[in-house]
Amino acid sequence: METREWYEQWNARRMKEAREAEERAQQRGQQLGRLQLAVRLCAIRLGRSLTEAETAALAERLDRLGADRVGEAMLSFSANALTAWLSDPDAT
């Protein structure tokens, strides 16, 4: 009986860890999708591809400020203002 209980506990832990790993992977996929969309929209707004530094800044802003604020900046800023916003490390 002890062996069966140990196996059931071990299997339950394994299943829980697998679910948690899947949830983390889904969250990461969603984050990546948001970043890819934001990069495309910024590129359209700027009329050019983003630099690596701008892409990194955009990823950081999405994490720190959220998709709503980044979307607001992309839609309301001129191309020059958006470029300045992406290059300012303290931008909000």
Protein backbone atom coordinates (compact mmCIF):
# COMPACT_ATOMS: atom_id res chain seq x y z
CA MET A 1 0.00 0.00 0.00
CA GLU A 2 2.83 2.43 0.76
CA THR A 3 4.29 1.97 -2.70
CA ARG A 4 0.96 2.77 -4.33
CA GLU A 5 0.51 5.91 -2.20
CA TRP A 6 4.05 7.04 -3.00
CA TYR A 7 3.44 6.47 -6.72
CA GLU A 8 0.16 8.39 -6.63
CA GLN A 9 1.79 11.32 -4.84
CA TRP A 10 4.74 11.27 -7.22
CA ASN A 11 2.45 11.12 -10.24
CA ALA A 12 0.26 13.94 -8.89
CA ARG A 13 3.36 16.14 -8.41
CA ARG A 14 4.56 15.31 -11.90
CA MET A 15 1.19 16.19 -13.40
CA LYS A 16 1.05 19.47 -11.44
CA GLU A 17 4.54 20.42 -12.61
CA ALA A 18 3.57 19.62 -16.20
CA ARG A 19 0.46 21.83 -15.97
CA GLU A 20 2.49 24.67 -14.49
CA ALA A 21 5.11 24.35 -17.23
CA GLU A 22 2.37 24.43 -19.86
CA GLU A 23 0.85 27.55 -18.30
CA ARG A 24 4.24 29.27 -18.29
CA ALA A 25 4.76 28.33 -21.95
CA GLN A 26 1.34 29.71 -22.86
CA GLN A 27 2.04 32.96 -21.03
CA ARG A 28 5.39 33.29 -22.77
CA GLY A 29 3.72 32.63 -26.12
CA GLN A 30 1.15 35.32 -25.43
CA GLN A 31 3.89 37.78 -24.45
CA LEU A 32 5.79 37.00 -27.63
CA GLY A 33 2.64 37.45 -29.71
CA ARG A 34 1.97 40.85 -28.11
CA LEU A 35 5.54 41.91 -28.79
CA GLN A 36 5.41 40.79 -32.42
CA LEU A 37 2.17 42.69 -32.95
CA ALA A 38 3.54 45.81 -31.28
CA VAL A 39 6.72 45.64 -33.37
CA ARG A 40 4.67 45.38 -36.57
CA LEU A 41 2.43 48.29 -35.59
CA CYS A 42 5.38 50.47 -34.61
CA ALA A 43 7.12 49.65 -37.87
CA ILE A 44 4.01 50.73 -39.79
CA ARG A 45 3.77 53.93 -37.74
CA LEU A 46 7.47 54.72 -38.26
CA GLY A 47 7.56 53.63 -41.89
CA ARG A 48 10.61 51.45 -41.25
CA SER A 49 11.76 48.39 -39.37
CA LEU A 50 12.60 48.79 -35.72
CA THR A 51 16.19 48.50 -34.60
CA GLU A 52 17.19 45.81 -32.12
CA ALA A 53 17.41 48.47 -29.40
CA GLU A 54 13.91 49.75 -30.20
CA THR A 55 12.52 46.21 -30.17
CA ALA A 56 14.16 45.58 -26.79
CA ALA A 57 12.77 48.88 -25.48
CA LEU A 58 9.32 47.95 -26.73
CA ALA A 59 9.51 44.57 -24.97
CA GLU A 60 10.56 46.27 -21.75
CA ARG A 61 7.72 48.81 -22.03
CA LEU A 62 5.17 46.06 -22.59
CA ASP A 63 6.38 44.34 -19.42
CA ARG A 64 6.69 47.49 -17.34
CA LEU A 65 3.83 49.67 -18.60
CA GLY A 66 1.44 47.15 -20.12
CA ALA A 67 -0.15 46.72 -23.53
CA ASP A 68 -2.70 49.52 -23.02
CA ARG A 69 -0.06 52.21 -22.45
CA VAL A 70 2.14 50.95 -25.29
CA GLY A 71 -0.86 50.89 -27.62
CA GLU A 72 -1.78 54.41 -26.59
CA ALA A 73 1.75 55.61 -27.39
CA MET A 74 1.77 53.85 -30.77
CA LEU A 75 -1.58 55.33 -31.78
CA SER A 76 -1.27 58.85 -30.42
CA PHE A 77 2.41 59.74 -30.92
CA SER A 78 3.78 61.05 -34.19
CA ALA A 79 6.56 59.01 -35.79
CA ASN A 80 9.19 61.35 -34.32
CA ALA A 81 7.61 61.30 -30.87
CA LEU A 82 7.35 57.49 -30.98
CA THR A 83 11.04 57.23 -31.93
CA ALA A 84 11.95 59.52 -29.02
CA TRP A 85 9.72 57.51 -26.65
CA LEU A 86 11.41 54.26 -27.66
CA SER A 87 14.87 55.76 -27.19
CA ASP A 88 14.16 57.24 -23.74
CA PRO A 89 14.91 54.60 -21.08
CA ASP A 90 12.80 56.47 -18.52
CA ALA A 91 9.74 56.96 -20.72
CA THR A 92 6.32 56.21 -19.31
